[in-house]
Amino acid sequence: DTRDITTFARRQGTLPEQKEGENVDVRGYLHRDGSVLSAVTPEMLTKENIQYLYQELGCKTAVGMPFKDLATSDSILLRTPPPSSDTESRTAIRRLIEVSMGVIVPAEELEKDPIPNAVALMSLSDA
């Protein structure tokens, strides 16, 4: 690697913007100062573990519902999403999406069992 690790330069890019008519606010999926993505497994989305997951992601909770805070992960990566028959896990995912947390799932997995408003993870050659 020939990168100089002693210099820091801010990268320039554009973040997702909210467009008229979209029902999901994608502005929270990435952060302008650097994004935090957390890997989540299906076991972490079970009824017994979901409150611990919200805590580990840095969410504040009120009556069991998650809310984003300054220290909350911006998005989660679900390499293996729970099946649509697992309604409790899918409800937990929906609640995270509702508070503007990105849910990134491999495109192949989304084709098999879609998650509404999830972001498809693809290789650059496939995109």
Foldseek 3Di string as FASTA:
>chain_A
DPDDPVDDDQDDDDADQDDPPDPFGQRLQADNVGAAEAEDEQVCLDPVRVVVVLVVQVFDDDPRQTADDPSGGSEYEYAAHDAVVRVSSLVSVVSCRRNNRAYEYAPVNCVVHNRPPHHHDDDPVVD
